[in-house]
C-alpha atoms as a PDB file:
ATOM      1  CA  MET A   1       0.000   0.000   0.000  1.00  0.00           C
ATOM      2  CA  LEU A   2       2.779   2.471   0.859  1.00  0.00           C
ATOM      3  CA  GLY A   3       4.272   2.021  -2.617  1.00  0.00           C
ATOM      4  CA  LYS A   4       1.026   3.091  -4.267  1.00  0.00           C
ATOM      5  CA  VAL A   5       0.660   6.089  -1.931  1.00  0.00           C
ATOM      6  CA  LEU A   6       4.227   7.170  -2.647  1.00  0.00           C
ATOM      7  CA  ALA A   7       3.726   6.713  -6.406  1.00  0.00           C
ATOM      8  CA  THR A   8       0.688   9.010  -6.245  1.00  0.00           C
ATOM      9  CA  LEU A   9       2.532  11.674  -4.231  1.00  0.00           C
ATOM     10  CA  TYR A  10       5.634  11.562  -6.428  1.00  0.00           C
ATOM     11  CA  GLU A  11       3.494  11.970  -9.533  1.00  0.00           C
ATOM     12  CA  ARG A  12       1.621  14.895  -7.969  1.00  0.00           C
ATOM     13  CA  ASP A  13       4.829  16.742  -7.074  1.00  0.00           C
ATOM     14  CA  LEU A  14       6.621  15.962 -10.339  1.00  0.00           C
ATOM     15  CA  ARG A  15       3.603  17.226 -12.295  1.00  0.00           C
ATOM     16  CA  LYS A  16       3.680  20.393 -10.177  1.00  0.00           C
ATOM     17  CA  LEU A  17       7.375  20.756 -11.033  1.00  0.00           C
ATOM     18  CA  ILE A  18       6.530  20.446 -14.734  1.00  0.00           C
ATOM     19  CA  GLU A  19       3.900  23.139 -14.234  1.00  0.00           C
ATOM     20  CA  GLU A  20       6.440  25.406 -12.508  1.00  0.00           C
ATOM     21  CA  VAL A  21       8.996  24.900 -15.302  1.00  0.00           C
ATOM     22  CA  ASN A  22       6.343  25.750 -17.881  1.00  0.00           C
ATOM     23  CA  LEU A  23       5.191  28.837 -15.962  1.00  0.00           C
ATOM     24  CA  PHE A  24       8.489  30.622 -16.570  1.00  0.00           C
ATOM     25  CA  GLN A  25       7.553  33.339 -19.048  1.00  0.00           C
ATOM     26  CA  GLN A  26      11.142  33.631 -20.246  1.00  0.00           C
ATOM     27  CA  GLU A  27      12.871  30.281 -20.739  1.00  0.00           C
ATOM     28  CA  GLU A  28      16.268  31.821 -19.973  1.00  0.00           C
ATOM     29  CA  ASP A  29      15.000  32.649 -16.456  1.00  0.00           C
ATOM     30  CA  LEU A  30      15.182  28.923 -15.691  1.00  0.00           C
ATOM     31  CA  TRP A  31      18.957  29.430 -15.482  1.00  0.00           C
ATOM     32  CA  LYS A  32      19.034  32.584 -13.358  1.00  0.00           C
ATOM     33  CA  THR A  33      19.433  33.002  -9.618  1.00  0.00           C
ATOM     34  CA  ALA A  34      18.640  35.917  -7.336  1.00  0.00           C
ATOM     35  CA  GLY A  35      20.204  37.250  -4.153  1.00  0.00           C
ATOM     36  CA  SER A  36      21.845  34.548  -2.086  1.00  0.00           C
ATOM     37  CA  VAL A  37      20.128  31.747  -4.064  1.00  0.00           C
ATOM     38  CA  LYS A  38      22.942  29.686  -5.600  1.00  0.00           C
ATOM     39  CA  ASN A  39      21.039  27.169  -7.748  1.00  0.00           C
ATOM     40  CA  SER A  40      18.809  28.033 -10.688  1.00  0.00           C
ATOM     41  CA  SER A  41      15.406  26.425 -11.178  1.00  0.00           C
ATOM     42  CA  GLY A  42      16.757  24.591 -14.223  1.00  0.00           C
ATOM     43  CA  ASN A  43      19.603  23.132 -12.182  1.00  0.00           C
ATOM     44  CA  LEU A  44      17.231  22.164  -9.374  1.00  0.00           C
ATOM     45  CA  ALA A  45      15.048  20.335 -11.914  1.00  0.00           C
ATOM     46  CA  LEU A  46      18.117  18.535 -13.298  1.00  0.00           C
ATOM     47  CA  HIS A  47      19.135  17.664  -9.723  1.00  0.00           C
ATOM     48  CA  ILE A  48      15.727  16.129  -9.028  1.00  0.00           C
ATOM     49  CA  ILE A  49      15.882  14.185 -12.292  1.00  0.00           C
ATOM     50  CA  GLY A  50      19.389  12.908 -11.592  1.00  0.00           C
ATOM     51  CA  GLY A  51      18.830  12.116  -7.941  1.00  0.00           C
ATOM     52  CA  MET A  52      15.590  10.232  -8.447  1.00  0.00           C
ATOM     53  CA  ASN A  53      16.882   8.343 -11.474  1.00  0.00           C
ATOM     54  CA  TYR A  54      19.810   7.240  -9.330  1.00  0.00           C
ATOM     55  CA  HIS A  55      18.089   6.497  -6.030  1.00  0.00           C
ATOM     56  CA  ILE A  56      14.912   4.971  -7.457  1.00  0.00           C
ATOM     57  CA  GLY A  57      16.062   3.897 -10.916  1.00  0.00           C
ATOM     58  CA  THR A  58      19.547   2.542 -10.262  1.00  0.00           C
ATOM     59  CA  ASN A  59      19.243   1.372  -6.674  1.00  0.00           C
ATOM     60  CA  ILE A  60      15.684   0.036  -6.589  1.00  0.00           C
ATOM     61  CA  ALA A  61      14.579  -0.601 -10.200  1.00  0.00           C
ATOM     62  CA  HIS A  62      18.092  -1.553 -11.398  1.00  0.00           C
ATOM     63  CA  THR A  63      17.914   0.597 -14.539  1.00  0.00           C
ATOM     64  CA  GLY A  64      21.667   1.103 -14.800  1.00  0.00           C
ATOM     65  CA  TYR A  65      21.344   4.899 -14.759  1.00  0.00           C
ATOM     66  CA  VAL A  66      24.716   6.557 -14.099  1.00  0.00           C
ATOM     67  CA  ARG A  67      24.447   9.801 -12.172  1.00  0.00           C
ATOM     68  CA  ASP A  68      26.490  12.918 -12.858  1.00  0.00           C
ATOM     69  CA  ARG A  69      25.701  14.951  -9.737  1.00  0.00           C
ATOM     70  CA  PRO A  70      28.202  17.752 -10.505  1.00  0.00           C
ATOM     71  CA  GLY A  71      26.667  18.042 -13.990  1.00  0.00           C
ATOM     72  CA  GLU A  72      23.213  18.519 -12.476  1.00  0.00           C
ATOM     73  CA  PHE A  73      24.440  21.848 -11.121  1.00  0.00           C
ATOM     74  CA  ALA A  74      26.922  22.775 -13.871  1.00  0.00           C
ATOM     75  CA  LEU A  75      24.788  22.373 -17.001  1.00  0.00           C
ATOM     76  CA  LYS A  76      23.083  25.513 -18.256  1.00  0.00           C
ATOM     77  CA  GLY A  77      20.652  26.227 -21.048  1.00  0.00           C
ATOM     78  CA  VAL A  78      19.029  22.795 -21.311  1.00  0.00           C
ATOM     79  CA  PRO A  79      15.845  23.451 -23.313  1.00  0.00           C
ATOM     80  CA  ARG A  80      12.653  23.610 -21.252  1.00  0.00           C
ATOM     81  CA  GLN A  81      11.035  20.886 -23.374  1.00  0.00           C
ATOM     82  CA  GLU A  82      13.937  18.521 -22.684  1.00  0.00           C
ATOM     83  CA  ILE A  83      13.541  19.064 -18.942  1.00  0.00           C
ATOM     84  CA  VAL A  84       9.797  18.411 -19.209  1.00  0.00           C
ATOM     85  CA  THR A  85      10.417  15.257 -21.269  1.00  0.00           C
ATOM     86  CA  ARG A  86      12.874  13.979 -18.644  1.00  0.00           C
ATOM     87  CA  LEU A  87      10.387  14.723 -15.866  1.00  0.00           C
ATOM     88  CA  GLU A  88       7.631  12.863 -17.737  1.00  0.00           C
ATOM     89  CA  ALA A  89       9.957   9.863 -18.067  1.00  0.00           C
ATOM     90  CA  LEU A  90      10.732  10.130 -14.355  1.00  0.00           C
ATOM     91  CA  ILE A  91       7.015  10.001 -13.554  1.00  0.00           C
ATOM     92  CA  LEU A  92       6.743   6.736 -15.492  1.00  0.00           C
ATOM     93  CA  LEU A  93       9.790   5.296 -13.746  1.00  0.00           C
ATOM     94  CA  THR A  94       8.514   6.144 -10.272  1.00  0.00           C
ATOM     95  CA  LYS A  95       4.973   4.923 -10.955  1.00  0.00           C
ATOM     96  CA  ASN A  96       6.109   1.645 -12.475  1.00  0.00           C
ATOM     97  CA  THR A  97       8.693   1.028  -9.780  1.00  0.00           C
ATOM     98  CA  LEU A  98       6.753   2.055  -6.692  1.00  0.00           C
ATOM     99  CA  ASN A  99       3.439   0.503  -7.717  1.00  0.00           C
ATOM    100  CA  GLY A 100       5.257  -2.809  -8.177  1.00  0.00           C
ATOM    101  CA  LEU A 101       6.953  -2.930  -4.773  1.00  0.00           C
ATOM    102  CA  THR A 102       5.754  -5.400  -2.184  1.00  0.00           C
ATOM    103  CA  ASP A 103       5.722  -4.584   1.520  1.00  0.00           C
ATOM    104  CA  ALA A 104       8.741  -6.844   1.931  1.00  0.00           C
ATOM    105  CA  GLN A 105      10.639  -4.959  -0.771  1.00  0.00           C
ATOM    106  CA  LEU A 106       9.741  -1.632   0.817  1.00  0.00           C
ATOM    107  CA  GLU A 107      11.111  -2.763   4.166  1.00  0.00           C
ATOM    108  CA  ALA A 108      14.234  -4.360   2.670  1.00  0.00           C
ATOM    109  CA  GLU A 109      17.539  -2.606   3.231  1.00  0.00           C
ATOM    110  CA  TYR A 110      18.363   0.084   0.699  1.00  0.00           C
ATOM    111  CA  PRO A 111      21.503  -1.091  -1.140  1.00  0.00           C
ATOM    112  CA  VAL A 112      23.728   1.895  -0.285  1.00  0.00           C
ATOM    113  CA  VAL A 113      24.262   4.107   2.749  1.00  0.00           C
ATOM    114  CA  PHE A 114      21.735   6.945   2.790  1.00  0.00           C
ATOM    115  CA  ASP A 115      21.692   9.763   5.362  1.00  0.00           C
ATOM    116  CA  ASP A 116      24.895   8.300   6.822  1.00  0.00           C
ATOM    117  CA  ALA A 117      23.246   4.998   7.737  1.00  0.00           C
ATOM    118  CA  LYS A 118      21.803   1.803   6.374  1.00  0.00           C
ATOM    119  CA  ASN A 119      18.070   2.397   5.969  1.00  0.00           C
ATOM    120  CA  SER A 120      15.060   0.668   4.469  1.00  0.00           C
ATOM    121  CA  ASN A 121      13.817   1.354   0.970  1.00  0.00           C
ATOM    122  CA  SER A 122      10.695   2.915   2.500  1.00  0.00           C
ATOM    123  CA  TYR A 123      12.792   5.336   4.572  1.00  0.00           C
ATOM    124  CA  VAL A 124      14.734   6.430   1.484  1.00  0.00           C
ATOM    125  CA  LEU A 125      11.582   6.832  -0.613  1.00  0.00           C
ATOM    126  CA  VAL A 126       9.846   8.969   2.028  1.00  0.00           C
ATOM    127  CA  ARG A 127      13.006  11.029   2.532  1.00  0.00           C
ATOM    128  CA  LEU A 128      13.344  11.593  -1.238  1.00  0.00           C
ATOM    129  CA  LEU A 129       9.722  12.731  -1.421  1.00  0.00           C
ATOM    130  CA  ALA A 130      10.434  15.339   1.255  1.00  0.00           C
ATOM    131  CA  HIS A 131      13.554  16.397  -0.668  1.00  0.00           C
ATOM    132  CA  LEU A 132      11.495  16.766  -3.852  1.00  0.00           C
ATOM    133  CA  GLY A 133       8.999  18.956  -2.012  1.00  0.00           C
ATOM    134  CA  TYR A 134      11.810  21.143  -0.673  1.00  0.00           C
ATOM    135  CA  HIS A 135      13.238  21.763  -4.140  1.00  0.00           C
ATOM    136  CA  LEU A 136       9.786  22.226  -5.658  1.00  0.00           C
ATOM    137  CA  GLY A 137       9.216  25.070  -3.197  1.00  0.00           C
ATOM    138  CA  GLN A 138      12.565  26.597  -4.140  1.00  0.00           C
ATOM    139  CA  VAL A 139      11.678  26.513  -7.844  1.00  0.00           C
ATOM    140  CA  ASN A 140       8.319  28.151  -7.163  1.00  0.00           C
ATOM    141  CA  TYR A 141       9.835  30.868  -5.004  1.00  0.00           C
ATOM    142  CA  LEU A 142      12.652  31.601  -7.441  1.00  0.00           C
ATOM    143  CA  ARG A 143      10.224  31.819 -10.373  1.00  0.00           C
ATOM    144  CA  ARG A 144       8.117  34.367  -8.503  1.00  0.00           C
ATOM    145  CA  ILE A 145      11.191  36.416  -7.549  1.00  0.00           C
ATOM    146  CA  LEU A 146      12.518  36.484 -11.100  1.00  0.00           C
ATOM    147  CA  GLU A 147       9.251  37.129 -12.887  1.00  0.00           C
END
């Protein structure tokens, strides 16, 4: 049951992120920061895509995705439509993966150290959902500051 709940919540927040990306009136504003904000909305979207593809795709679904975390913050000017396409693919990955997890799989040990400890898959998935929500709020706030 938890897998299905998480799949629903991930889809909700990823769709909201797509909406936020599309709400930027000027596409180049996706790559701007303001004040003490160090990461652009575009880079935060790439970070979410990379992190979830790694933590859910590689470590739970065994997709073979190879993460480039520094690149998530270094790349600039990725077209909006490419970001949206990657987020749509991420929605499919999370839905297919999380809806297929049994309770035993959810409570199994996550294959790598996460938050400086060995934790269950369910812990990591809930923690990643909170992390997604944090960055979604940053994207929303930055968009409103810039535009």
